[in-house]
Structures are given as C-alpha cells and as structure tokens.
Amino acid sequence: MVYLNIAQVLVSVVLVLVILSQVKESGSGLFGSAQSTVRTRRGLEKTLFQFTIALSVLFIIVSIISVGLVSG
C-alpha cells in the first residue's frame, strides 16, 4: 500500500510538470489564450498531449486501486 502512495505522488508530480510545460509552449499566461484559428498538434506538442492523457489515466487507475485496497 505504501508503494501505491509513492506511485500516486510520483505520477501527480510528473503530470503537473507536463501540464506546466504545455502552458509555457503556448506563450501565454496560466489559463492560455483564446485563439481564433483551429490548428492541429504536431511533434513534441502532440507527444506531450498524449503523455498527459496517459498520465491522467494512470493517476485515476492508481487512485481507484488505492481506494479499493483501503476500503476492502
């Protein structure tokens, strides 16, 4: 159970860092900017976006497993 808590903390820290690195790339403030043009993600931006989704799913899975072990 301690391993799950450590994994959850590590995943959350990496997730925050990845999200913050995406905000820096957009060149605007913390909440981003309204862009009137539609564009696709390419290269590193696309990889970071997909990595963010994977980390979010992993965080949710670890959280559910952790809660299941505590209550069970």
PDB file of N, CA and C in Angstrom:
ATOM      1  N   MET A   1       0.821  -1.188   0.000  1.00  0.00           N
ATOM      2  CA  MET A   1       0.000   0.000   0.000  1.00  0.00           C
ATOM      3  C   MET A   1       0.867   1.254   0.000  1.00  0.00           C
ATOM      4  N   VAL A   2       2.002   1.218   0.637  1.00  0.00           N
ATOM      5  CA  VAL A   2       2.923   2.352   0.629  1.00  0.00           C
ATOM      6  C   VAL A   2       3.416   2.601  -0.791  1.00  0.00           C
ATOM      7  N   TYR A   3       3.597   1.514  -1.559  1.00  0.00           N
ATOM      8  CA  TYR A   3       4.063   1.650  -2.929  1.00  0.00           C
ATOM      9  C   TYR A   3       3.046   2.385  -3.798  1.00  0.00           C
ATOM     10  N   LEU A   4       1.777   2.135  -3.553  1.00  0.00           N
ATOM     11  CA  LEU A   4       0.747   2.839  -4.308  1.00  0.00           C
ATOM     12  C   LEU A   4       0.738   4.331  -3.990  1.00  0.00           C
ATOM     13  N   ASN A   5       0.948   4.679  -2.728  1.00  0.00           N
ATOM     14  CA  ASN A   5       1.002   6.091  -2.353  1.00  0.00           C
ATOM     15  C   ASN A   5       2.196   6.782  -2.992  1.00  0.00           C
ATOM     16  N   ILE A   6       3.332   6.121  -3.009  1.00  0.00           N
ATOM     17  CA  ILE A   6       4.525   6.684  -3.640  1.00  0.00           C
ATOM     18  C   ILE A   6       4.308   6.824  -5.143  1.00  0.00           C
ATOM     19  N   ALA A   7       3.713   5.805  -5.763  1.00  0.00           N
ATOM     20  CA  ALA A   7       3.436   5.861  -7.202  1.00  0.00           C
ATOM     21  C   ALA A   7       2.470   6.996  -7.515  1.00  0.00           C
ATOM     22  N   GLN A   8       1.471   7.191  -6.676  1.00  0.00           N
ATOM     23  CA  GLN A   8       0.496   8.247  -6.908  1.00  0.00           C
ATOM     24  C   GLN A   8       1.142   9.629  -6.801  1.00  0.00           C
ATOM     25  N   VAL A   9       2.016   9.812  -5.840  1.00  0.00           N
ATOM     26  CA  VAL A   9       2.710  11.089  -5.696  1.00  0.00           C
ATOM     27  C   VAL A   9       3.620  11.340  -6.896  1.00  0.00           C
ATOM     28  N   LEU A  10       4.360  10.324  -7.321  1.00  0.00           N
ATOM     29  CA  LEU A  10       5.252  10.487  -8.470  1.00  0.00           C
ATOM     30  C   LEU A  10       4.478  10.798  -9.753  1.00  0.00           C
ATOM     31  N   VAL A  11       3.399  10.077  -9.980  1.00  0.00           N
ATOM     32  CA  VAL A  11       2.592  10.318 -11.180  1.00  0.00           C
ATOM     33  C   VAL A  11       2.001  11.727 -11.137  1.00  0.00           C
ATOM     34  N   SER A  12       1.546  12.172  -9.975  1.00  0.00           N
ATOM     35  CA  SER A  12       0.951  13.508  -9.886  1.00  0.00           C
ATOM     36  C   SER A  12       1.983  14.609 -10.118  1.00  0.00           C
ATOM     37  N   VAL A  13       3.195  14.428  -9.611  1.00  0.00           N
ATOM     38  CA  VAL A  13       4.243  15.431  -9.825  1.00  0.00           C
ATOM     39  C   VAL A  13       4.629  15.500 -11.301  1.00  0.00           C
ATOM     40  N   VAL A  14       4.782  14.350 -11.934  1.00  0.00           N
ATOM     41  CA  VAL A  14       5.122  14.329 -13.360  1.00  0.00           C
ATOM     42  C   VAL A  14       3.981  14.932 -14.178  1.00  0.00           C
ATOM     43  N   LEU A  15       2.760  14.641 -13.802  1.00  0.00           N
ATOM     44  CA  LEU A  15       1.600  15.184 -14.510  1.00  0.00           C
ATOM     45  C   LEU A  15       1.571  16.712 -14.418  1.00  0.00           C
ATOM     46  N   VAL A  16       1.828  17.253 -13.252  1.00  0.00           N
ATOM     47  CA  VAL A  16       1.865  18.709 -13.085  1.00  0.00           C
ATOM     48  C   VAL A  16       2.975  19.319 -13.935  1.00  0.00           C
ATOM     49  N   LEU A  17       4.143  18.687 -13.946  1.00  0.00           N
ATOM     50  CA  LEU A  17       5.261  19.203 -14.744  1.00  0.00           C
ATOM     51  C   LEU A  17       4.952  19.182 -16.237  1.00  0.00           C
ATOM     52  N   VAL A  18       4.316  18.120 -16.703  1.00  0.00           N
ATOM     53  CA  VAL A  18       3.969  18.024 -18.122  1.00  0.00           C
ATOM     54  C   VAL A  18       2.937  19.085 -18.492  1.00  0.00           C
ATOM     55  N   ILE A  19       1.954  19.293 -17.626  1.00  0.00           N
ATOM     56  CA  ILE A  19       0.940  20.313 -17.898  1.00  0.00           C
ATOM     57  C   ILE A  19       1.569  21.704 -17.908  1.00  0.00           C
ATOM     58  N   LEU A  20       2.447  21.974 -16.962  1.00  0.00           N
ATOM     59  CA  LEU A  20       3.103  23.280 -16.935  1.00  0.00           C
ATOM     60  C   LEU A  20       3.997  23.497 -18.145  1.00  0.00           C
ATOM     61  N   SER A  21       4.625  22.455 -18.640  1.00  0.00           N
ATOM     62  CA  SER A  21       5.465  22.604 -19.827  1.00  0.00           C
ATOM     63  C   SER A  21       4.618  22.904 -21.058  1.00  0.00           C
ATOM     64  N   GLN A  22       3.389  22.410 -21.100  1.00  0.00           N
ATOM     65  CA  GLN A  22       2.494  22.721 -22.213  1.00  0.00           C
ATOM     66  C   GLN A  22       2.039  24.170 -22.150  1.00  0.00           C
ATOM     67  N   VAL A  23       1.812  24.697 -20.967  1.00  0.00           N
ATOM     68  CA  VAL A  23       1.390  26.081 -20.815  1.00  0.00           C
ATOM     69  C   VAL A  23       2.496  27.017 -21.276  1.00  0.00           C
ATOM     70  N   LYS A  24       3.751  26.690 -20.975  1.00  0.00           N
ATOM     71  CA  LYS A  24       4.872  27.529 -21.389  1.00  0.00           C
ATOM     72  C   LYS A  24       4.988  27.576 -22.902  1.00  0.00           C
ATOM     73  N   GLU A  25       4.701  26.473 -23.565  1.00  0.00           N
ATOM     74  CA  GLU A  25       4.830  26.438 -25.016  1.00  0.00           C
ATOM     75  C   GLU A  25       3.829  27.342 -25.706  1.00  0.00           C
ATOM     76  N   SER A  26       2.670  27.547 -25.110  1.00  0.00           N
ATOM     77  CA  SER A  26       1.655  28.361 -25.773  1.00  0.00           C
ATOM     78  C   SER A  26       2.017  29.835 -25.739  1.00  0.00           C
ATOM     79  N   GLY A  27       2.944  30.231 -24.875  1.00  0.00           N
ATOM     80  CA  GLY A  27       3.419  31.595 -24.847  1.00  0.00           C
ATOM     81  C   GLY A  27       2.495  32.574 -24.163  1.00  0.00           C
ATOM     82  N   SER A  28       1.538  32.076 -23.410  1.00  0.00           N
ATOM     83  CA  SER A  28       0.607  32.975 -22.737  1.00  0.00           C
ATOM     84  C   SER A  28       0.565  32.645 -21.252  1.00  0.00           C
ATOM     85  N   GLY A  29      -0.374  33.237 -20.566  1.00  0.00           N
ATOM     86  CA  GLY A  29      -0.485  33.079 -19.122  1.00  0.00           C
ATOM     87  C   GLY A  29      -0.923  31.698 -18.699  1.00  0.00           C
ATOM     88  N   LEU A  30      -1.250  31.580 -17.455  1.00  0.00           N
ATOM     89  CA  LEU A  30      -1.590  30.293 -16.856  1.00  0.00           C
ATOM     90  C   LEU A  30      -2.825  29.665 -17.488  1.00  0.00           C
ATOM     91  N   PHE A  31      -3.794  30.462 -17.860  1.00  0.00           N
ATOM     92  CA  PHE A  31      -5.041  29.928 -18.385  1.00  0.00           C
ATOM     93  C   PHE A  31      -5.076  29.873 -19.905  1.00  0.00           C
ATOM     94  N   GLY A  32      -3.987  30.173 -20.558  1.00  0.00           N
ATOM     95  CA  GLY A  32      -3.942  30.109 -22.012  1.00  0.00           C
ATOM     96  C   GLY A  32      -4.585  31.323 -22.641  1.00  0.00           C
ATOM     97  N   SER A  33      -4.719  31.280 -23.943  1.00  0.00           N
ATOM     98  CA  SER A  33      -5.328  32.401 -24.645  1.00  0.00           C
ATOM     99  C   SER A  33      -6.362  31.883 -25.627  1.00  0.00           C
ATOM    100  N   ALA A  34      -7.299  32.725 -25.946  1.00  0.00           N
ATOM    101  CA  ALA A  34      -8.323  32.346 -26.913  1.00  0.00           C
ATOM    102  C   ALA A  34      -7.746  32.521 -28.314  1.00  0.00           C
ATOM    103  N   GLN A  35      -7.690  31.445 -29.045  1.00  0.00           N
ATOM    104  CA  GLN A  35      -7.176  31.508 -30.406  1.00  0.00           C
ATOM    105  C   GLN A  35      -8.328  31.340 -31.377  1.00  0.00           C
ATOM    106  N   SER A  36      -8.379  32.204 -32.366  1.00  0.00           N
ATOM    107  CA  SER A  36      -9.482  32.150 -33.309  1.00  0.00           C
ATOM    108  C   SER A  36      -9.234  31.132 -34.416  1.00  0.00           C
ATOM    109  N   THR A  37      -8.018  30.657 -34.543  1.00  0.00           N
ATOM    110  CA  THR A  37      -7.714  29.688 -35.589  1.00  0.00           C
ATOM    111  C   THR A  37      -7.653  28.289 -35.002  1.00  0.00           C
ATOM    112  N   VAL A  38      -8.065  27.339 -35.797  1.00  0.00           N
ATOM    113  CA  VAL A  38      -8.012  25.943 -35.382  1.00  0.00           C
ATOM    114  C   VAL A  38      -6.728  25.357 -35.940  1.00  0.00           C
ATOM    115  N   ARG A  39      -5.960  24.705 -35.081  1.00  0.00           N
ATOM    116  CA  ARG A  39      -4.717  24.111 -35.548  1.00  0.00           C
ATOM    117  C   ARG A  39      -4.554  22.738 -34.924  1.00  0.00           C
ATOM    118  N   THR A  40      -3.759  21.929 -35.563  1.00  0.00           N
ATOM    119  CA  THR A  40      -3.518  20.581 -35.049  1.00  0.00           C
ATOM    120  C   THR A  40      -2.212  20.559 -34.276  1.00  0.00           C
ATOM    121  N   ARG A  41      -2.145  19.630 -33.360  1.00  0.00           N
ATOM    122  CA  ARG A  41      -0.911  19.453 -32.596  1.00  0.00           C
ATOM    123  C   ARG A  41       0.052  18.617 -33.417  1.00  0.00           C
ATOM    124  N   ARG A  42       1.312  19.018 -33.392  1.00  0.00           N
ATOM    125  CA  ARG A  42       2.329  18.282 -34.146  1.00  0.00           C
ATOM    126  C   ARG A  42       3.585  18.144 -33.316  1.00  0.00           C
ATOM    127  N   GLY A  43       4.336  17.105 -33.599  1.00  0.00           N
ATOM    128  CA  GLY A  43       5.646  16.925 -32.985  1.00  0.00           C
ATOM    129  C   GLY A  43       5.597  16.763 -31.486  1.00  0.00           C
ATOM    130  N   LEU A  44       6.425  17.568 -30.817  1.00  0.00           N
ATOM    131  CA  LEU A  44       6.558  17.479 -29.367  1.00  0.00           C
ATOM    132  C   LEU A  44       5.257  17.854 -28.659  1.00  0.00           C
ATOM    133  N   GLU A  45       4.532  18.808 -29.204  1.00  0.00           N
ATOM    134  CA  GLU A  45       3.261  19.215 -28.595  1.00  0.00           C
ATOM    135  C   GLU A  45       2.264  18.065 -28.579  1.00  0.00           C
ATOM    136  N   LYS A  46       2.201  17.308 -29.662  1.00  0.00           N
ATOM    137  CA  LYS A  46       1.300  16.155 -29.740  1.00  0.00           C
ATOM    138  C   LYS A  46       1.735  15.065 -28.763  1.00  0.00           C
ATOM    139  N   THR A  47       3.052  14.839 -28.674  1.00  0.00           N
ATOM    140  CA  THR A  47       3.578  13.834 -27.753  1.00  0.00           C
ATOM    141  C   THR A  47       3.271  14.207 -26.308  1.00  0.00           C
ATOM    142  N   LEU A  48       3.470  15.474 -25.947  1.00  0.00           N
ATOM    143  CA  LEU A  48       3.160  15.922 -24.587  1.00  0.00           C
ATOM    144  C   LEU A  48       1.673  15.796 -24.287  1.00  0.00           C
ATOM    145  N   PHE A  49       0.837  16.097 -25.269  1.00  0.00           N
ATOM    146  CA  PHE A  49      -0.612  15.977 -25.086  1.00  0.00           C
ATOM    147  C   PHE A  49      -1.012  14.528 -24.822  1.00  0.00           C
ATOM    148  N   GLN A  50      -0.472  13.601 -25.621  1.00  0.00           N
ATOM    149  CA  GLN A  50      -0.788  12.186 -25.436  1.00  0.00           C
ATOM    150  C   GLN A  50      -0.222  11.659 -24.119  1.00  0.00           C
ATOM    151  N   PHE A  51       0.964  12.138 -23.738  1.00  0.00           N
ATOM    152  CA  PHE A  51       1.582  11.734 -22.472  1.00  0.00           C
ATOM    153  C   PHE A  51       0.747  12.238 -21.298  1.00  0.00           C
ATOM    154  N   THR A  52       0.166  13.434 -21.434  1.00  0.00           N
ATOM    155  CA  THR A  52      -0.707  13.980 -20.394  1.00  0.00           C
ATOM    156  C   THR A  52      -1.941  13.106 -20.209  1.00  0.00           C
ATOM    157  N   ILE A  53      -2.521  12.673 -21.311  1.00  0.00           N
ATOM    158  CA  ILE A  53      -3.701  11.799 -21.233  1.00  0.00           C
ATOM    159  C   ILE A  53      -3.332  10.479 -20.566  1.00  0.00           C
ATOM    160  N   ALA A  54      -2.209   9.893 -20.962  1.00  0.00           N
ATOM    161  CA  ALA A  54      -1.778   8.621 -20.380  1.00  0.00           C
ATOM    162  C   ALA A  54      -1.507   8.756 -18.882  1.00  0.00           C
ATOM    163  N   LEU A  55      -0.854   9.838 -18.480  1.00  0.00           N
ATOM    164  CA  LEU A  55      -0.591  10.055 -17.055  1.00  0.00           C
ATOM    165  C   LEU A  55      -1.881  10.276 -16.269  1.00  0.00           C
ATOM    166  N   SER A  56      -2.832  10.958 -16.868  1.00  0.00           N
ATOM    167  CA  SER A  56      -4.117  11.174 -16.190  1.00  0.00           C
ATOM    168  C   SER A  56      -4.844   9.856 -15.964  1.00  0.00           C
ATOM    169  N   VAL A  57      -4.864   9.015 -16.981  1.00  0.00           N
ATOM    170  CA  VAL A  57      -5.498   7.705 -16.856  1.00  0.00           C
ATOM    171  C   VAL A  57      -4.775   6.867 -15.807  1.00  0.00           C
ATOM    172  N   LEU A  58      -3.442   6.888 -15.831  1.00  0.00           N
ATOM    173  CA  LEU A  58      -2.655   6.137 -14.850  1.00  0.00           C
ATOM    174  C   LEU A  58      -2.934   6.633 -13.437  1.00  0.00           C
ATOM    175  N   PHE A  59      -3.029   7.952 -13.263  1.00  0.00           N
ATOM    176  CA  PHE A  59      -3.321   8.518 -11.950  1.00  0.00           C
ATOM    177  C   PHE A  59      -4.686   8.056 -11.441  1.00  0.00           C
ATOM    178  N   ILE A  60      -5.673   8.058 -12.312  1.00  0.00           N
ATOM    179  CA  ILE A  60      -7.016   7.619 -11.920  1.00  0.00           C
ATOM    180  C   ILE A  60      -7.016   6.143 -11.555  1.00  0.00           C
ATOM    181  N   ILE A  61      -6.332   5.324 -12.336  1.00  0.00           N
ATOM    182  CA  ILE A  61      -6.267   3.885 -12.051  1.00  0.00           C
ATOM    183  C   ILE A  61      -5.592   3.621 -10.714  1.00  0.00           C
ATOM    184  N   VAL A  62      -4.462   4.285 -10.467  1.00  0.00           N
ATOM    185  CA  VAL A  62      -3.760   4.092  -9.192  1.00  0.00           C
ATOM    186  C   VAL A  62      -4.627   4.570  -8.032  1.00  0.00           C
ATOM    187  N   SER A  63      -5.354   5.666  -8.225  1.00  0.00           N
ATOM    188  CA  SER A  63      -6.234   6.174  -7.165  1.00  0.00           C
ATOM    189  C   SER A  63      -7.354   5.193  -6.849  1.00  0.00           C
ATOM    190  N   ILE A  64      -7.965   4.632  -7.890  1.00  0.00           N
ATOM    191  CA  ILE A  64      -9.047   3.676  -7.675  1.00  0.00           C
ATOM    192  C   ILE A  64      -8.532   2.408  -6.986  1.00  0.00           C
ATOM    193  N   ILE A  65      -7.383   1.928  -7.405  1.00  0.00           N
ATOM    194  CA  ILE A  65      -6.799   0.735  -6.768  1.00  0.00           C
ATOM    195  C   ILE A  65      -6.479   1.036  -5.314  1.00  0.00           C
ATOM    196  N   SER A  66      -5.921   2.211  -5.056  1.00  0.00           N
ATOM    197  CA  SER A  66      -5.552   2.589  -3.685  1.00  0.00           C
ATOM    198  C   SER A  66      -6.782   2.667  -2.788  1.00  0.00           C
ATOM    199  N   VAL A  67      -7.851   3.260  -3.278  1.00  0.00           N
ATOM    200  CA  VAL A  67      -9.092   3.355  -2.502  1.00  0.00           C
ATOM    201  C   VAL A  67      -9.697   1.965  -2.297  1.00  0.00           C
ATOM    202  N   GLY A  68      -9.635   1.124  -3.330  1.00  0.00           N
ATOM    203  CA  GLY A  68     -10.165  -0.222  -3.225  1.00  0.00           C
ATOM    204  C   GLY A  68      -9.443  -1.065  -2.182  1.00  0.00           C
ATOM    205  N   LEU A  69      -8.139  -0.885  -2.067  1.00  0.00           N
ATOM    206  CA  LEU A  69      -7.383  -1.639  -1.070  1.00  0.00           C
ATOM    207  C   LEU A  69      -7.628  -1.133   0.328  1.00  0.00           C
ATOM    208  N   VAL A  70      -7.834   0.159   0.488  1.00  0.00           N
ATOM    209  CA  VAL A  70      -8.071   0.713   1.812  1.00  0.00           C
ATOM    210  C   VAL A  70      -9.454   0.312   2.322  1.00  0.00           C
ATOM    211  N   SER A  71     -10.463   0.384   1.468  1.00  0.00           N
ATOM    212  CA  SER A  71     -11.820   0.076   1.908  1.00  0.00           C
ATOM    213  C   SER A  71     -12.090  -1.417   1.963  1.00  0.00           C
ATOM    214  N   GLY A  72     -11.288  -2.192   1.233  1.00  0.00           N
ATOM    215  CA  GLY A  72     -11.541  -3.642   1.161  1.00  0.00           C
ATOM    216  C   GLY A  72     -10.864  -4.465   2.152  1.00  0.00           C
TER     217      GLY A  72
END
